[in-house]
């Protein structure tokens, strides 16, 4: 049995090509959810907590970038 997942990233602007893949924000959201589950489990760690915080921060900045682009009509 082969296990795995395939990520297909958005190719081209959504306005022009429609949604045809995931965004970086989507991947970060999944990773944050997964790490939160690990941190809530039997072996939470300082390193996991820091990694979680940094991913949440990255998601915040990317969301801010998206909001700015929408505001500018880009």
PDB file of N, CA and C in Angstrom:
ATOM      1  N   UNK A   1       0.840  -1.164   0.000  1.00  0.00           N
ATOM      2  CA  UNK A   1       0.000   0.000   0.000  1.00  0.00           C
ATOM      3  C   UNK A   1       0.891   1.236   0.000  1.00  0.00           C
ATOM      4  N   UNK A   2       0.597   2.172  -0.839  1.00  0.00           N
ATOM      5  CA  UNK A   2       1.320   3.429  -0.886  1.00  0.00           C
ATOM      6  C   UNK A   2       0.489   4.491  -0.199  1.00  0.00           C
ATOM      7  N   UNK A   3       1.093   5.150   0.757  1.00  0.00           N
ATOM      8  CA  UNK A   3       0.408   6.226   1.457  1.00  0.00           C
ATOM      9  C   UNK A   3       1.034   7.542   1.058  1.00  0.00           C
ATOM     10  N   UNK A   4       0.234   8.566   0.999  1.00  0.00           N
ATOM     11  CA  UNK A   4       0.761   9.880   0.692  1.00  0.00           C
ATOM     12  C   UNK A   4      -0.330  10.802   0.224  1.00  0.00           C
ATOM     13  N   UNK A   5       0.050  12.016   0.090  1.00  0.00           N
ATOM     14  CA  UNK A   5      -0.851  13.048  -0.397  1.00  0.00           C
ATOM     15  C   UNK A   5      -0.140  13.828  -1.477  1.00  0.00           C
ATOM     16  N   UNK A   6      -0.914  14.329  -2.376  1.00  0.00           N
ATOM     17  CA  UNK A   6      -0.365  15.159  -3.440  1.00  0.00           C
ATOM     18  C   UNK A   6      -0.928  16.560  -3.279  1.00  0.00           C
ATOM     19  N   UNK A   7      -0.059  17.541  -3.320  1.00  0.00           N
ATOM     20  CA  UNK A   7      -0.483  18.933  -3.251  1.00  0.00           C
ATOM     21  C   UNK A   7      -0.438  19.532  -4.644  1.00  0.00           C
ATOM     22  N   UNK A   8      -1.534  20.087  -5.049  1.00  0.00           N
ATOM     23  CA  UNK A   8      -1.583  20.813  -6.310  1.00  0.00           C
ATOM     24  C   UNK A   8      -1.766  22.280  -5.971  1.00  0.00           C
ATOM     25  N   UNK A   9      -0.768  23.074  -6.289  1.00  0.00           N
ATOM     26  CA  UNK A   9      -0.823  24.494  -5.973  1.00  0.00           C
ATOM     27  C   UNK A   9      -1.526  25.265  -7.081  1.00  0.00           C
ATOM     28  N   UNK A  10      -2.119  26.386  -6.708  1.00  0.00           N
ATOM     29  CA  UNK A  10      -2.787  27.269  -7.650  1.00  0.00           C
ATOM     30  C   UNK A  10      -1.807  27.642  -8.758  1.00  0.00           C
ATOM     31  N   UNK A  11      -2.262  27.525  -9.970  1.00  0.00           N
ATOM     32  CA  UNK A  11      -1.447  27.883 -11.125  1.00  0.00           C
ATOM     33  C   UNK A  11      -2.112  29.060 -11.824  1.00  0.00           C
ATOM     34  N   UNK A  12      -1.500  30.226 -11.722  1.00  0.00           N
ATOM     35  CA  UNK A  12      -2.047  31.422 -12.345  1.00  0.00           C
ATOM     36  C   UNK A  12      -3.046  32.129 -11.449  1.00  0.00           C
ATOM     37  N   UNK A  13      -3.386  33.351 -11.830  1.00  0.00           N
ATOM     38  CA  UNK A  13      -4.341  34.132 -11.042  1.00  0.00           C
ATOM     39  C   UNK A  13      -5.727  33.483 -11.034  1.00  0.00           C
ATOM     40  N   UNK A  14      -6.374  33.498  -9.871  1.00  0.00           N
ATOM     41  CA  UNK A  14      -7.711  32.917  -9.743  1.00  0.00           C
ATOM     42  C   UNK A  14      -8.690  33.618 -10.676  1.00  0.00           C
ATOM     43  N   UNK A  15      -8.574  34.940 -10.786  1.00  0.00           N
ATOM     44  CA  UNK A  15      -9.475  35.697 -11.675  1.00  0.00           C
ATOM     45  C   UNK A  15      -9.405  35.202 -13.115  1.00  0.00           C
ATOM     46  N   UNK A  16      -8.221  34.815 -13.522  1.00  0.00           N
ATOM     47  CA  UNK A  16      -8.006  34.405 -14.905  1.00  0.00           C
ATOM     48  C   UNK A  16      -8.227  32.907 -15.123  1.00  0.00           C
ATOM     49  N   UNK A  17      -7.793  32.077 -14.171  1.00  0.00           N
ATOM     50  CA  UNK A  17      -7.813  30.627 -14.350  1.00  0.00           C
ATOM     51  C   UNK A  17      -8.797  29.901 -13.443  1.00  0.00           C
ATOM     52  N   UNK A  18      -9.446  30.634 -12.540  1.00  0.00           N
ATOM     53  CA  UNK A  18     -10.300  29.984 -11.555  1.00  0.00           C
ATOM     54  C   UNK A  18      -9.447  29.277 -10.516  1.00  0.00           C
ATOM     55  N   UNK A  19     -10.094  28.701  -9.535  1.00  0.00           N
ATOM     56  CA  UNK A  19      -9.363  27.959  -8.508  1.00  0.00           C
ATOM     57  C   UNK A  19      -8.979  26.605  -9.092  1.00  0.00           C
ATOM     58  N   UNK A  20      -7.681  26.353  -9.189  1.00  0.00           N
ATOM     59  CA  UNK A  20      -7.211  25.083  -9.748  1.00  0.00           C
ATOM     60  C   UNK A  20      -6.189  24.402  -8.844  1.00  0.00           C
ATOM     61  N   UNK A  21      -6.063  24.901  -7.637  1.00  0.00           N
ATOM     62  CA  UNK A  21      -5.128  24.316  -6.685  1.00  0.00           C
ATOM     63  C   UNK A  21      -5.204  25.029  -5.358  1.00  0.00           C
ATOM     64  N   UNK A  22      -4.341  24.621  -4.445  1.00  0.00           N
ATOM     65  CA  UNK A  22      -4.362  25.229  -3.120  1.00  0.00           C
ATOM     66  C   UNK A  22      -3.377  26.395  -3.045  1.00  0.00           C
ATOM     67  N   UNK A  23      -3.599  27.217  -2.068  1.00  0.00           N
ATOM     68  CA  UNK A  23      -2.727  28.351  -1.785  1.00  0.00           C
ATOM     69  C   UNK A  23      -1.803  27.967  -0.628  1.00  0.00           C
ATOM     70  N   UNK A  24      -0.747  28.720  -0.446  1.00  0.00           N
ATOM     71  CA  UNK A  24       0.165  28.495   0.674  1.00  0.00           C
ATOM     72  C   UNK A  24      -0.596  28.588   1.994  1.00  0.00           C
ATOM     73  N   UNK A  25      -1.547  29.519   2.068  1.00  0.00           N
ATOM     74  CA  UNK A  25      -2.345  29.680   3.280  1.00  0.00           C
ATOM     75  C   UNK A  25      -3.118  28.405   3.616  1.00  0.00           C
ATOM     76  N   UNK A  26      -3.593  27.719   2.598  1.00  0.00           N
ATOM     77  CA  UNK A  26      -4.321  26.462   2.821  1.00  0.00           C
ATOM     78  C   UNK A  26      -3.415  25.416   3.462  1.00  0.00           C
ATOM     79  N   UNK A  27      -2.207  25.319   2.952  1.00  0.00           N
ATOM     80  CA  UNK A  27      -1.254  24.334   3.473  1.00  0.00           C
ATOM     81  C   UNK A  27      -0.877  24.675   4.914  1.00  0.00           C
ATOM     82  N   UNK A  28      -0.615  25.949   5.173  1.00  0.00           N
ATOM     83  CA  UNK A  28      -0.289  26.352   6.540  1.00  0.00           C
ATOM     84  C   UNK A  28      -1.432  26.038   7.497  1.00  0.00           C
ATOM     85  N   UNK A  29      -2.664  26.254   7.073  1.00  0.00           N
ATOM     86  CA  UNK A  29      -3.824  25.966   7.920  1.00  0.00           C
ATOM     87  C   UNK A  29      -3.870  24.490   8.299  1.00  0.00           C
ATOM     88  N   UNK A  30      -3.605  23.620   7.340  1.00  0.00           N
ATOM     89  CA  UNK A  30      -3.583  22.175   7.616  1.00  0.00           C
ATOM     90  C   UNK A  30      -2.442  21.833   8.571  1.00  0.00           C
ATOM     91  N   UNK A  31      -1.263  22.397   8.329  1.00  0.00           N
ATOM     92  CA  UNK A  31      -0.110  22.110   9.184  1.00  0.00           C
ATOM     93  C   UNK A  31      -0.321  22.624  10.606  1.00  0.00           C
ATOM     94  N   UNK A  32      -0.920  23.796  10.730  1.00  0.00           N
ATOM     95  CA  UNK A  32      -1.224  24.348  12.053  1.00  0.00           C
ATOM     96  C   UNK A  32      -2.178  23.421  12.795  1.00  0.00           C
ATOM     97  N   UNK A  33      -3.218  22.967  12.112  1.00  0.00           N
ATOM     98  CA  UNK A  33      -4.185  22.061  12.732  1.00  0.00           C
ATOM     99  C   UNK A  33      -3.502  20.782  13.211  1.00  0.00           C
ATOM    100  N   UNK A  34      -2.641  20.254  12.383  1.00  0.00           N
ATOM    101  CA  UNK A  34      -1.951  18.997  12.730  1.00  0.00           C
ATOM    102  C   UNK A  34      -1.005  19.190  13.918  1.00  0.00           C
ATOM    103  N   UNK A  35      -0.259  20.280  13.908  1.00  0.00           N
ATOM    104  CA  UNK A  35       0.673  20.520  15.008  1.00  0.00           C
ATOM    105  C   UNK A  35      -0.073  20.841  16.301  1.00  0.00           C
ATOM    106  N   UNK A  36      -1.209  21.532  16.210  1.00  0.00           N
ATOM    107  CA  UNK A  36      -2.023  21.771  17.405  1.00  0.00           C
ATOM    108  C   UNK A  36      -2.467  20.446  18.019  1.00  0.00           C
ATOM    109  N   UNK A  37      -2.820  19.491  17.171  1.00  0.00           N
ATOM    110  CA  UNK A  37      -3.213  18.168  17.665  1.00  0.00           C
ATOM    111  C   UNK A  37      -2.035  17.484  18.361  1.00  0.00           C
ATOM    112  N   UNK A  38      -0.851  17.570  17.767  1.00  0.00           N
ATOM    113  CA  UNK A  38       0.332  16.984  18.405  1.00  0.00           C
ATOM    114  C   UNK A  38       0.611  17.663  19.746  1.00  0.00           C
ATOM    115  N   UNK A  39       0.539  18.975  19.764  1.00  0.00           N
ATOM    116  CA  UNK A  39       0.821  19.727  20.981  1.00  0.00           C
ATOM    117  C   UNK A  39      -0.206  19.443  22.071  1.00  0.00           C
ATOM    118  N   UNK A  40      -1.414  19.077  21.680  1.00  0.00           N
ATOM    119  CA  UNK A  40      -2.446  18.748  22.649  1.00  0.00           C
ATOM    120  C   UNK A  40      -2.406  17.298  23.088  1.00  0.00           C
ATOM    121  N   UNK A  41      -1.467  16.555  22.556  1.00  0.00           N
ATOM    122  CA  UNK A  41      -1.359  15.126  22.851  1.00  0.00           C
ATOM    123  C   UNK A  41      -0.438  14.831  24.018  1.00  0.00           C
ATOM    124  N   UNK A  42       0.107  13.656  23.988  1.00  0.00           N
ATOM    125  CA  UNK A  42       0.902  13.140  25.099  1.00  0.00           C
ATOM    126  C   UNK A  42       2.296  13.768  25.208  1.00  0.00           C
ATOM    127  N   UNK A  43       2.837  14.262  24.097  1.00  0.00           N
ATOM    128  CA  UNK A  43       4.215  14.754  24.124  1.00  0.00           C
ATOM    129  C   UNK A  43       4.354  16.169  23.565  1.00  0.00           C
ATOM    130  N   UNK A  44       3.708  17.156  24.167  1.00  0.00           N
ATOM    131  CA  UNK A  44       3.912  18.525  23.688  1.00  0.00           C
ATOM    132  C   UNK A  44       5.357  18.954  23.969  1.00  0.00           C
ATOM    133  N   UNK A  45       5.841  19.890  23.175  1.00  0.00           N
ATOM    134  CA  UNK A  45       7.220  20.336  23.381  1.00  0.00           C
ATOM    135  C   UNK A  45       7.332  21.835  23.161  1.00  0.00           C
ATOM    136  N   UNK A  46       8.376  22.392  23.719  1.00  0.00           N
ATOM    137  CA  UNK A  46       8.677  23.809  23.524  1.00  0.00           C
ATOM    138  C   UNK A  46       8.916  24.086  22.044  1.00  0.00           C
ATOM    139  N   UNK A  47       9.671  23.199  21.404  1.00  0.00           N
ATOM    140  CA  UNK A  47       9.979  23.372  19.982  1.00  0.00           C
ATOM    141  C   UNK A  47       8.707  23.340  19.136  1.00  0.00           C
ATOM    142  N   UNK A  48       7.811  22.420  19.458  1.00  0.00           N
ATOM    143  CA  UNK A  48       6.539  22.352  18.740  1.00  0.00           C
ATOM    144  C   UNK A  48       5.720  23.607  18.941  1.00  0.00           C
ATOM    145  N   UNK A  49       5.742  24.128  20.155  1.00  0.00           N
ATOM    146  CA  UNK A  49       5.021  25.359  20.465  1.00  0.00           C
ATOM    147  C   UNK A  49       5.570  26.539  19.668  1.00  0.00           C
ATOM    148  N   UNK A  50       6.880  26.633  19.590  1.00  0.00           N
ATOM    149  CA  UNK A  50       7.509  27.718  18.824  1.00  0.00           C
ATOM    150  C   UNK A  50       7.201  27.562  17.338  1.00  0.00           C
ATOM    151  N   UNK A  51       7.311  26.346  16.821  1.00  0.00           N
ATOM    152  CA  UNK A  51       6.999  26.101  15.407  1.00  0.00           C
ATOM    153  C   UNK A  51       5.552  26.470  15.108  1.00  0.00           C
ATOM    154  N   UNK A  52       4.641  26.116  16.012  1.00  0.00           N
ATOM    155  CA  UNK A  52       3.227  26.446  15.842  1.00  0.00           C
ATOM    156  C   UNK A  52       3.032  27.956  15.803  1.00  0.00           C
ATOM    157  N   UNK A  53       3.666  28.657  16.720  1.00  0.00           N
ATOM    158  CA  UNK A  53       3.554  30.110  16.771  1.00  0.00           C
ATOM    159  C   UNK A  53       4.076  30.746  15.478  1.00  0.00           C
ATOM    160  N   UNK A  54       5.183  30.255  14.968  1.00  0.00           N
ATOM    161  CA  UNK A  54       5.765  30.820  13.749  1.00  0.00           C
ATOM    162  C   UNK A  54       4.888  30.545  12.527  1.00  0.00           C
ATOM    163  N   UNK A  55       4.270  29.359  12.472  1.00  0.00           N
ATOM    164  CA  UNK A  55       3.354  29.073  11.360  1.00  0.00           C
ATOM    165  C   UNK A  55       2.123  29.967  11.439  1.00  0.00           C
ATOM    166  N   UNK A  56       1.617  30.192  12.657  1.00  0.00           N
ATOM    167  CA  UNK A  56       0.474  31.089  12.829  1.00  0.00           C
ATOM    168  C   UNK A  56       0.847  32.506  12.414  1.00  0.00           C
ATOM    169  N   UNK A  57       2.054  32.919  12.751  1.00  0.00           N
ATOM    170  CA  UNK A  57       2.527  34.244  12.357  1.00  0.00           C
ATOM    171  C   UNK A  57       2.650  34.338  10.838  1.00  0.00           C
ATOM    172  N   UNK A  58       3.204  33.319  10.220  1.00  0.00           N
ATOM    173  CA  UNK A  58       3.332  33.311   8.758  1.00  0.00           C
ATOM    174  C   UNK A  58       1.964  33.411   8.104  1.00  0.00           C
ATOM    175  N   UNK A  59       0.992  32.677   8.628  1.00  0.00           N
ATOM    176  CA  UNK A  59      -0.366  32.723   8.086  1.00  0.00           C
ATOM    177  C   UNK A  59      -0.961  34.116   8.242  1.00  0.00           C
ATOM    178  N   UNK A  60      -0.724  34.750   9.387  1.00  0.00           N
ATOM    179  CA  UNK A  60      -1.212  36.109   9.611  1.00  0.00           C
ATOM    180  C   UNK A  60      -0.642  37.071   8.574  1.00  0.00           C
ATOM    181  N   UNK A  61       0.657  36.988   8.312  1.00  0.00           N
ATOM    182  CA  UNK A  61       1.281  37.891   7.340  1.00  0.00           C
ATOM    183  C   UNK A  61       0.776  37.625   5.921  1.00  0.00           C
ATOM    184  N   UNK A  62       0.605  36.380   5.568  1.00  0.00           N
ATOM    185  CA  UNK A  62       0.086  36.066   4.234  1.00  0.00           C
ATOM    186  C   UNK A  62      -1.357  36.534   4.078  1.00  0.00           C
ATOM    187  N   UNK A  63      -2.153  36.403   5.132  1.00  0.00           N
ATOM    188  CA  UNK A  63      -3.529  36.912   5.078  1.00  0.00           C
ATOM    189  C   UNK A  63      -3.546  38.429   4.966  1.00  0.00           C
ATOM    190  N   UNK A  64      -2.621  39.079   5.652  1.00  0.00           N
ATOM    191  CA  UNK A  64      -2.519  40.539   5.553  1.00  0.00           C
ATOM    192  C   UNK A  64      -2.123  40.939   4.131  1.00  0.00           C
ATOM    193  N   UNK A  65      -1.209  40.193   3.535  1.00  0.00           N
ATOM    194  CA  UNK A  65      -0.799  40.443   2.146  1.00  0.00           C
ATOM    195  C   UNK A  65      -1.990  40.308   1.207  1.00  0.00           C
ATOM    196  N   UNK A  66      -2.783  39.263   1.395  1.00  0.00           N
ATOM    197  CA  UNK A  66      -3.964  39.045   0.558  1.00  0.00           C
ATOM    198  C   UNK A  66      -4.951  40.189   0.710  1.00  0.00           C
ATOM    199  N   UNK A  67      -5.197  40.619   1.943  1.00  0.00           N
ATOM    200  CA  UNK A  67      -6.125  41.730   2.187  1.00  0.00           C
ATOM    201  C   UNK A  67      -5.627  43.000   1.509  1.00  0.00           C
ATOM    202  N   UNK A  68      -4.327  43.254   1.593  1.00  0.00           N
ATOM    203  CA  UNK A  68      -3.739  44.432   0.954  1.00  0.00           C
ATOM    204  C   UNK A  68      -3.901  44.365  -0.564  1.00  0.00           C
ATOM    205  N   UNK A  69      -3.671  43.200  -1.135  1.00  0.00           N
ATOM    206  CA  UNK A  69      -3.798  43.039  -2.591  1.00  0.00           C
ATOM    207  C   UNK A  69      -5.247  43.240  -3.031  1.00  0.00           C
ATOM    208  N   UNK A  70      -6.189  42.715  -2.260  1.00  0.00           N
ATOM    209  CA  UNK A  70      -7.608  42.905  -2.588  1.00  0.00           C
ATOM    210  C   UNK A  70      -7.981  44.378  -2.529  1.00  0.00           C
ATOM    211  N   UNK A  71      -7.481  45.055  -1.507  1.00  0.00           N
ATOM    212  CA  UNK A  71      -7.754  46.482  -1.342  1.00  0.00           C
ATOM    213  C   UNK A  71      -7.215  47.291  -2.519  1.00  0.00           C
ATOM    214  N   UNK A  72      -6.067  46.882  -3.052  1.00  0.00           N
ATOM    215  CA  UNK A  72      -5.457  47.579  -4.185  1.00  0.00           C
ATOM    216  C   UNK A  72      -5.971  47.089  -5.530  1.00  0.00           C
ATOM    217  N   UNK A  73      -6.795  46.037  -5.505  1.00  0.00           N
ATOM    218  CA  UNK A  73      -7.346  45.508  -6.749  1.00  0.00           C
ATOM    219  C   UNK A  73      -6.351  44.719  -7.575  1.00  0.00           C
ATOM    220  N   UNK A  74      -5.370  44.134  -6.918  1.00  0.00           N
ATOM    221  CA  UNK A  74      -4.329  43.361  -7.616  1.00  0.00           C
ATOM    222  C   UNK A  74      -4.750  41.912  -7.714  1.00  0.00           C
TER     223      UNK A  74
END
